Amino acid sequence: MKWVIFYLLFQLAVILLFWIISKRKDKRYKANSSNHTEGFEATKEVSIDPVSQVVTRVYINPNTGERMYIEEEVSGQNR
């Protein structure tokens, strides 16, 4: 029975390790938090969350085709 507990703890540790690594390596999490748009052009593509009213604009790098989603500040709107 003791080995079952060690096996489950080992599996949990491996899952947590991979989750932490993926959070650090995934560029999508970093793209939303920064406004670094050098080489990117704003598009007309905008989405508005119906619940929180957050406006997100799509930026595209014409050289690579990479897309970035950045939340925009909307003046005159109360949250």
PDB file of N, CA and C in Angstrom:
ATOM      1  N   MET A   1       0.823  -1.198   0.000  1.00  0.00           N
ATOM      2  CA  MET A   1       0.000   0.000   0.000  1.00  0.00           C
ATOM      3  C   MET A   1       0.865   1.259   0.000  1.00  0.00           C
ATOM      4  N   LYS A   2       2.002   1.175   0.636  1.00  0.00           N
ATOM      5  CA  LYS A   2       2.895   2.320   0.732  1.00  0.00           C
ATOM      6  C   LYS A   2       3.393   2.764  -0.646  1.00  0.00           C
ATOM      7  N   TRP A   3       3.659   1.803  -1.519  1.00  0.00           N
ATOM      8  CA  TRP A   3       4.169   2.130  -2.852  1.00  0.00           C
ATOM      9  C   TRP A   3       3.114   2.837  -3.699  1.00  0.00           C
ATOM     10  N   VAL A   4       1.843   2.565  -3.444  1.00  0.00           N
ATOM     11  CA  VAL A   4       0.773   3.225  -4.184  1.00  0.00           C
ATOM     12  C   VAL A   4       0.763   4.721  -3.863  1.00  0.00           C
ATOM     13  N   ILE A   5       0.931   5.050  -2.608  1.00  0.00           N
ATOM     14  CA  ILE A   5       0.971   6.464  -2.194  1.00  0.00           C
ATOM     15  C   ILE A   5       2.168   7.166  -2.813  1.00  0.00           C
ATOM     16  N   PHE A   6       3.343   6.510  -2.796  1.00  0.00           N
ATOM     17  CA  PHE A   6       4.528   7.099  -3.413  1.00  0.00           C
ATOM     18  C   PHE A   6       4.339   7.278  -4.917  1.00  0.00           C
ATOM     19  N   TYR A   7       3.708   6.303  -5.562  1.00  0.00           N
ATOM     20  CA  TYR A   7       3.442   6.399  -6.997  1.00  0.00           C
ATOM     21  C   TYR A   7       2.522   7.581  -7.305  1.00  0.00           C
ATOM     22  N   LEU A   8       1.455   7.745  -6.540  1.00  0.00           N
ATOM     23  CA  LEU A   8       0.536   8.868  -6.754  1.00  0.00           C
ATOM     24  C   LEU A   8       1.208  10.209  -6.498  1.00  0.00           C
ATOM     25  N   LEU A   9       2.023  10.308  -5.477  1.00  0.00           N
ATOM     26  CA  LEU A   9       2.755  11.547  -5.199  1.00  0.00           C
ATOM     27  C   LEU A   9       3.745  11.858  -6.319  1.00  0.00           C
ATOM     28  N   PHE A  10       4.401  10.818  -6.845  1.00  0.00           N
ATOM     29  CA  PHE A  10       5.328  11.013  -7.954  1.00  0.00           C
ATOM     30  C   PHE A  10       4.589  11.528  -9.188  1.00  0.00           C
ATOM     31  N   GLN A  11       3.440  10.941  -9.507  1.00  0.00           N
ATOM     32  CA  GLN A  11       2.644  11.377 -10.647  1.00  0.00           C
ATOM     33  C   GLN A  11       2.192  12.823 -10.478  1.00  0.00           C
ATOM     34  N   LEU A  12       1.768  13.187  -9.292  1.00  0.00           N
ATOM     35  CA  LEU A  12       1.361  14.558  -9.016  1.00  0.00           C
ATOM     36  C   LEU A  12       2.529  15.525  -9.197  1.00  0.00           C
ATOM     37  N   ALA A  13       3.712  15.143  -8.726  1.00  0.00           N
ATOM     38  CA  ALA A  13       4.894  15.987  -8.880  1.00  0.00           C
ATOM     39  C   ALA A  13       5.249  16.172 -10.352  1.00  0.00           C
ATOM     40  N   VAL A  14       5.142  15.121 -11.147  1.00  0.00           N
ATOM     41  CA  VAL A  14       5.453  15.214 -12.577  1.00  0.00           C
ATOM     42  C   VAL A  14       4.452  16.129 -13.278  1.00  0.00           C
ATOM     43  N   ILE A  15       3.181  15.986 -12.959  1.00  0.00           N
ATOM     44  CA  ILE A  15       2.153  16.833 -13.573  1.00  0.00           C
ATOM     45  C   ILE A  15       2.380  18.293 -13.204  1.00  0.00           C
ATOM     46  N   LEU A  16       2.674  18.580 -11.944  1.00  0.00           N
ATOM     47  CA  LEU A  16       2.939  19.960 -11.523  1.00  0.00           C
ATOM     48  C   LEU A  16       4.181  20.524 -12.208  1.00  0.00           C
ATOM     49  N   LEU A  17       5.202  19.711 -12.364  1.00  0.00           N
ATOM     50  CA  LEU A  17       6.424  20.159 -13.028  1.00  0.00           C
ATOM     51  C   LEU A  17       6.145  20.544 -14.477  1.00  0.00           C
ATOM     52  N   PHE A  18       5.422  19.699 -15.200  1.00  0.00           N
ATOM     53  CA  PHE A  18       5.099  20.016 -16.591  1.00  0.00           C
ATOM     54  C   PHE A  18       4.186  21.224 -16.700  1.00  0.00           C
ATOM     55  N   TRP A  19       3.270  21.390 -15.762  1.00  0.00           N
ATOM     56  CA  TRP A  19       2.381  22.549 -15.775  1.00  0.00           C
ATOM     57  C   TRP A  19       3.174  23.845 -15.572  1.00  0.00           C
ATOM     58  N   ILE A  20       4.108  23.834 -14.639  1.00  0.00           N
ATOM     59  CA  ILE A  20       4.940  25.019 -14.386  1.00  0.00           C
ATOM     60  C   ILE A  20       5.803  25.337 -15.600  1.00  0.00           C
ATOM     61  N   ILE A  21       6.399  24.323 -16.208  1.00  0.00           N
ATOM     62  CA  ILE A  21       7.229  24.549 -17.394  1.00  0.00           C
ATOM     63  C   ILE A  21       6.392  25.117 -18.534  1.00  0.00           C
ATOM     64  N   SER A  22       5.200  24.588 -18.731  1.00  0.00           N
ATOM     65  CA  SER A  22       4.373  25.077 -19.833  1.00  0.00           C
ATOM     66  C   SER A  22       3.927  26.515 -19.605  1.00  0.00           C
ATOM     67  N   LYS A  23       3.664  26.906 -18.355  1.00  0.00           N
ATOM     68  CA  LYS A  23       3.282  28.287 -18.063  1.00  0.00           C
ATOM     69  C   LYS A  23       4.431  29.250 -18.361  1.00  0.00           C
ATOM     70  N   ARG A  24       5.651  28.829 -18.118  1.00  0.00           N
ATOM     71  CA  ARG A  24       6.806  29.694 -18.343  1.00  0.00           C
ATOM     72  C   ARG A  24       7.179  29.781 -19.818  1.00  0.00           C
ATOM     73  N   LYS A  25       6.958  28.717 -20.571  1.00  0.00           N
ATOM     74  CA  LYS A  25       7.388  28.665 -21.965  1.00  0.00           C
ATOM     75  C   LYS A  25       6.331  29.135 -22.955  1.00  0.00           C
ATOM     76  N   ASP A  26       5.076  29.130 -22.579  1.00  0.00           N
ATOM     77  CA  ASP A  26       3.996  29.449 -23.507  1.00  0.00           C
ATOM     78  C   ASP A  26       3.966  30.948 -23.786  1.00  0.00           C
ATOM     79  N   LYS A  27       4.144  31.329 -25.043  1.00  0.00           N
ATOM     80  CA  LYS A  27       4.211  32.740 -25.431  1.00  0.00           C
ATOM     81  C   LYS A  27       2.866  33.436 -25.335  1.00  0.00           C
ATOM     82  N   ARG A  28       1.770  32.689 -25.381  1.00  0.00           N
ATOM     83  CA  ARG A  28       0.455  33.315 -25.349  1.00  0.00           C
ATOM     84  C   ARG A  28       0.208  34.040 -24.034  1.00  0.00           C
ATOM     85  N   TYR A  29       0.735  33.521 -22.917  1.00  0.00           N
ATOM     86  CA  TYR A  29       0.535  34.176 -21.630  1.00  0.00           C
ATOM     87  C   TYR A  29       1.304  35.490 -21.569  1.00  0.00           C
ATOM     88  N   LYS A  30       2.470  35.518 -22.169  1.00  0.00           N
ATOM     89  CA  LYS A  30       3.287  36.725 -22.164  1.00  0.00           C
ATOM     90  C   LYS A  30       2.749  37.774 -23.123  1.00  0.00           C
ATOM     91  N   ALA A  31       2.137  37.358 -24.201  1.00  0.00           N
ATOM     92  CA  ALA A  31       1.641  38.293 -25.207  1.00  0.00           C
ATOM     93  C   ALA A  31       0.533  39.169 -24.660  1.00  0.00           C
ATOM     94  N   ASN A  32      -0.335  38.639 -23.818  1.00  0.00           N
ATOM     95  CA  ASN A  32      -1.431  39.427 -23.275  1.00  0.00           C
ATOM     96  C   ASN A  32      -0.982  40.417 -22.223  1.00  0.00           C
ATOM     97  N   SER A  33       0.114  40.135 -21.553  1.00  0.00           N
ATOM     98  CA  SER A  33       0.517  40.991 -20.456  1.00  0.00           C
ATOM     99  C   SER A  33       1.449  42.123 -20.888  1.00  0.00           C
ATOM    100  N   SER A  34       1.947  42.083 -22.109  1.00  0.00           N
ATOM    101  CA  SER A  34       2.863  43.132 -22.543  1.00  0.00           C
ATOM    102  C   SER A  34       2.296  43.860 -23.753  1.00  0.00           C
ATOM    103  N   ASN A  35       2.707  45.096 -23.900  1.00  0.00           N
ATOM    104  CA  ASN A  35       2.279  45.873 -25.052  1.00  0.00           C
ATOM    105  C   ASN A  35       3.428  46.042 -26.037  1.00  0.00           C
ATOM    106  N   HIS A  36       4.282  45.064 -26.129  1.00  0.00           N
ATOM    107  CA  HIS A  36       5.431  45.103 -27.039  1.00  0.00           C
ATOM    108  C   HIS A  36       4.943  44.740 -28.433  1.00  0.00           C
ATOM    109  N   THR A  37       4.668  45.773 -29.249  1.00  0.00           N
ATOM    110  CA  THR A  37       4.094  45.535 -30.575  1.00  0.00           C
ATOM    111  C   THR A  37       5.057  45.933 -31.691  1.00  0.00           C
ATOM    112  N   GLU A  38       6.343  45.908 -31.426  1.00  0.00           N
ATOM    113  CA  GLU A  38       7.324  46.259 -32.449  1.00  0.00           C
ATOM    114  C   GLU A  38       7.277  45.228 -33.570  1.00  0.00           C
ATOM    115  N   GLY A  39       7.057  45.694 -34.785  1.00  0.00           N
ATOM    116  CA  GLY A  39       6.958  44.802 -35.931  1.00  0.00           C
ATOM    117  C   GLY A  39       5.546  44.292 -36.161  1.00  0.00           C
ATOM    118  N   PHE A  40       4.635  44.634 -35.272  1.00  0.00           N
ATOM    119  CA  PHE A  40       3.248  44.200 -35.400  1.00  0.00           C
ATOM    120  C   PHE A  40       2.388  45.369 -35.851  1.00  0.00           C
ATOM    121  N   GLU A  41       1.362  45.046 -36.625  1.00  0.00           N
ATOM    122  CA  GLU A  41       0.416  46.061 -37.099  1.00  0.00           C
ATOM    123  C   GLU A  41      -0.967  45.731 -36.567  1.00  0.00           C
ATOM    124  N   ALA A  42      -1.683  46.763 -36.136  1.00  0.00           N
ATOM    125  CA  ALA A  42      -3.044  46.557 -35.648  1.00  0.00           C
ATOM    126  C   ALA A  42      -3.957  46.194 -36.803  1.00  0.00           C
ATOM    127  N   THR A  43      -4.864  45.275 -36.556  1.00  0.00           N
ATOM    128  CA  THR A  43      -5.843  44.890 -37.567  1.00  0.00           C
ATOM    129  C   THR A  43      -7.206  45.459 -37.164  1.00  0.00           C
ATOM    130  N   LYS A  44      -8.182  45.282 -38.017  1.00  0.00           N
ATOM    131  CA  LYS A  44      -9.546  45.717 -37.704  1.00  0.00           C
ATOM    132  C   LYS A  44     -10.291  44.668 -36.884  1.00  0.00           C
ATOM    133  N   GLU A  45      -9.617  43.574 -36.612  1.00  0.00           N
ATOM    134  CA  GLU A  45     -10.225  42.465 -35.884  1.00  0.00           C
ATOM    135  C   GLU A  45     -10.257  42.786 -34.384  1.00  0.00           C
ATOM    136  N   VAL A  46     -11.462  42.971 -33.842  1.00  0.00           N
ATOM    137  CA  VAL A  46     -11.646  43.320 -32.440  1.00  0.00           C
ATOM    138  C   VAL A  46     -12.724  42.404 -31.871  1.00  0.00           C
ATOM    139  N   SER A  47     -12.503  41.952 -30.650  1.00  0.00           N
ATOM    140  CA  SER A  47     -13.541  41.168 -29.982  1.00  0.00           C
ATOM    141  C   SER A  47     -13.858  41.812 -28.642  1.00  0.00           C
ATOM    142  N   ILE A  48     -15.133  41.747 -28.261  1.00  0.00           N
ATOM    143  CA  ILE A  48     -15.593  42.321 -26.998  1.00  0.00           C
ATOM    144  C   ILE A  48     -16.241  41.205 -26.196  1.00  0.00           C
ATOM    145  N   ASP A  49     -15.726  40.981 -24.994  1.00  0.00           N
ATOM    146  CA  ASP A  49     -16.298  39.975 -24.118  1.00  0.00           C
ATOM    147  C   ASP A  49     -17.661  40.469 -23.645  1.00  0.00           C
ATOM    148  N   PRO A  50     -18.734  39.713 -23.869  1.00  0.00           N
ATOM    149  CA  PRO A  50     -20.062  40.195 -23.511  1.00  0.00           C
ATOM    150  C   PRO A  50     -20.289  40.337 -22.008  1.00  0.00           C
ATOM    151  N   VAL A  51     -19.551  39.620 -21.194  1.00  0.00           N
ATOM    152  CA  VAL A  51     -19.749  39.682 -19.752  1.00  0.00           C
ATOM    153  C   VAL A  51     -18.919  40.793 -19.127  1.00  0.00           C
ATOM    154  N   SER A  52     -17.614  40.790 -19.397  1.00  0.00           N
ATOM    155  CA  SER A  52     -16.717  41.757 -18.748  1.00  0.00           C
ATOM    156  C   SER A  52     -16.509  43.026 -19.567  1.00  0.00           C
ATOM    157  N   GLN A  53     -16.976  43.043 -20.817  1.00  0.00           N
ATOM    158  CA  GLN A  53     -16.828  44.189 -21.719  1.00  0.00           C
ATOM    159  C   GLN A  53     -15.358  44.524 -21.997  1.00  0.00           C
ATOM    160  N   VAL A  54     -14.477  43.536 -21.937  1.00  0.00           N
ATOM    161  CA  VAL A  54     -13.063  43.730 -22.248  1.00  0.00           C
ATOM    162  C   VAL A  54     -12.897  43.703 -23.767  1.00  0.00           C
ATOM    163  N   VAL A  55     -12.230  44.735 -24.294  1.00  0.00           N
ATOM    164  CA  VAL A  55     -11.999  44.844 -25.733  1.00  0.00           C
ATOM    165  C   VAL A  55     -10.595  44.310 -26.031  1.00  0.00           C
ATOM    166  N   THR A  56     -10.506  43.373 -26.975  1.00  0.00           N
ATOM    167  CA  THR A  56      -9.229  42.783 -27.359  1.00  0.00           C
ATOM    168  C   THR A  56      -9.021  42.997 -28.851  1.00  0.00           C
ATOM    169  N   ARG A  57      -7.863  43.584 -29.206  1.00  0.00           N
ATOM    170  CA  ARG A  57      -7.523  43.821 -30.606  1.00  0.00           C
ATOM    171  C   ARG A  57      -6.446  42.834 -31.038  1.00  0.00           C
ATOM    172  N   VAL A  58      -6.511  42.443 -32.307  1.00  0.00           N
ATOM    173  CA  VAL A  58      -5.543  41.522 -32.880  1.00  0.00           C
ATOM    174  C   VAL A  58      -4.462  42.327 -33.598  1.00  0.00           C
ATOM    175  N   TYR A  59      -3.208  41.992 -33.311  1.00  0.00           N
ATOM    176  CA  TYR A  59      -2.056  42.569 -33.999  1.00  0.00           C
ATOM    177  C   TYR A  59      -1.395  41.442 -34.767  1.00  0.00           C
ATOM    178  N   ILE A  60      -0.871  41.756 -35.957  1.00  0.00           N
ATOM    179  CA  ILE A  60      -0.237  40.728 -36.788  1.00  0.00           C
ATOM    180  C   ILE A  60       1.129  41.218 -37.259  1.00  0.00           C
ATOM    181  N   ASN A  61       2.069  40.299 -37.285  1.00  0.00           N
ATOM    182  CA  ASN A  61       3.395  40.581 -37.827  1.00  0.00           C
ATOM    183  C   ASN A  61       3.371  40.125 -39.284  1.00  0.00           C
ATOM    184  N   PRO A  62       3.415  41.061 -40.242  1.00  0.00           N
ATOM    185  CA  PRO A  62       3.295  40.675 -41.646  1.00  0.00           C
ATOM    186  C   PRO A  62       4.464  39.816 -42.148  1.00  0.00           C
ATOM    187  N   ASN A  63       5.593  39.870 -41.475  1.00  0.00           N
ATOM    188  CA  ASN A  63       6.755  39.085 -41.914  1.00  0.00           C
ATOM    189  C   ASN A  63       6.631  37.611 -41.532  1.00  0.00           C
ATOM    190  N   THR A  64       6.085  37.357 -40.341  1.00  0.00           N
ATOM    191  CA  THR A  64       6.026  35.981 -39.854  1.00  0.00           C
ATOM    192  C   THR A  64       4.613  35.409 -39.812  1.00  0.00           C
ATOM    193  N   GLY A  65       3.603  36.282 -39.847  1.00  0.00           N
ATOM    194  CA  GLY A  65       2.226  35.821 -39.731  1.00  0.00           C
ATOM    195  C   GLY A  65       1.805  35.594 -38.294  1.00  0.00           C
ATOM    196  N   GLU A  66       2.695  35.899 -37.357  1.00  0.00           N
ATOM    197  CA  GLU A  66       2.379  35.714 -35.934  1.00  0.00           C
ATOM    198  C   GLU A  66       1.303  36.699 -35.499  1.00  0.00           C
ATOM    199  N   ARG A  67       0.386  36.233 -34.652  1.00  0.00           N
ATOM    200  CA  ARG A  67      -0.710  37.066 -34.167  1.00  0.00           C
ATOM    201  C   ARG A  67      -0.541  37.300 -32.670  1.00  0.00           C
ATOM    202  N   MET A  68      -0.940  38.496 -32.221  1.00  0.00           N
ATOM    203  CA  MET A  68      -0.876  38.854 -30.814  1.00  0.00           C
ATOM    204  C   MET A  68      -2.208  39.484 -30.431  1.00  0.00           C
ATOM    205  N   TYR A  69      -2.730  39.111 -29.275  1.00  0.00           N
ATOM    206  CA  TYR A  69      -4.014  39.623 -28.794  1.00  0.00           C
ATOM    207  C   TYR A  69      -3.755  40.502 -27.579  1.00  0.00           C
ATOM    208  N   ILE A  70      -4.137  41.783 -27.677  1.00  0.00           N
ATOM    209  CA  ILE A  70      -3.859  42.734 -26.600  1.00  0.00           C
ATOM    210  C   ILE A  70      -5.151  43.415 -26.184  1.00  0.00           C
ATOM    211  N   GLU A  71      -5.373  43.438 -24.868  1.00  0.00           N
ATOM    212  CA  GLU A  71      -6.539  44.130 -24.335  1.00  0.00           C
ATOM    213  C   GLU A  71      -6.341  45.624 -24.487  1.00  0.00           C
ATOM    214  N   GLU A  72      -7.387  46.305 -24.896  1.00  0.00           N
ATOM    215  CA  GLU A  72      -7.323  47.750 -25.077  1.00  0.00           C
ATOM    216  C   GLU A  72      -8.131  48.451 -24.002  1.00  0.00           C
ATOM    217  N   GLU A  73      -7.668  49.631 -23.634  1.00  0.00           N
ATOM    218  CA  GLU A  73      -8.399  50.469 -22.695  1.00  0.00           C
ATOM    219  C   GLU A  73      -9.457  51.230 -23.469  1.00  0.00           C
ATOM    220  N   VAL A  74     -10.680  51.181 -22.996  1.00  0.00           N
ATOM    221  CA  VAL A  74     -11.766  51.880 -23.640  1.00  0.00           C
ATOM    222  C   VAL A  74     -12.152  53.040 -22.746  1.00  0.00           C
ATOM    223  N   SER A  75     -12.003  54.266 -23.255  1.00  0.00           N
ATOM    224  CA  SER A  75     -12.319  55.435 -22.455  1.00  0.00           C
ATOM    225  C   SER A  75     -13.823  55.648 -22.402  1.00  0.00           C
ATOM    226  N   GLY A  76     -14.295  56.136 -21.257  1.00  0.00           N
ATOM    227  CA  GLY A  76     -15.707  56.456 -21.106  1.00  0.00           C
ATOM    228  C   GLY A  76     -16.578  55.252 -20.812  1.00  0.00           C
ATOM    229  N   GLN A  77     -15.972  54.158 -20.400  1.00  0.00           N
ATOM    230  CA  GLN A  77     -16.751  52.972 -20.111  1.00  0.00           C
ATOM    231  C   GLN A  77     -16.538  52.574 -18.649  1.00  0.00           C
ATOM    232  N   ASN A  78     -17.608  52.351 -17.940  1.00  0.00           N
ATOM    233  CA  ASN A  78     -17.526  51.949 -16.526  1.00  0.00           C
ATOM    234  C   ASN A  78     -17.607  50.436 -16.429  1.00  0.00           C
ATOM    235  N   ARG A  79     -16.758  49.873 -15.559  1.00  0.00           N
ATOM    236  CA  ARG A  79     -16.775  48.435 -15.361  1.00  0.00           C
ATOM    237  C   ARG A  79     -17.367  48.114 -14.027  1.00  0.00           C
TER     238      ARG A  79
END
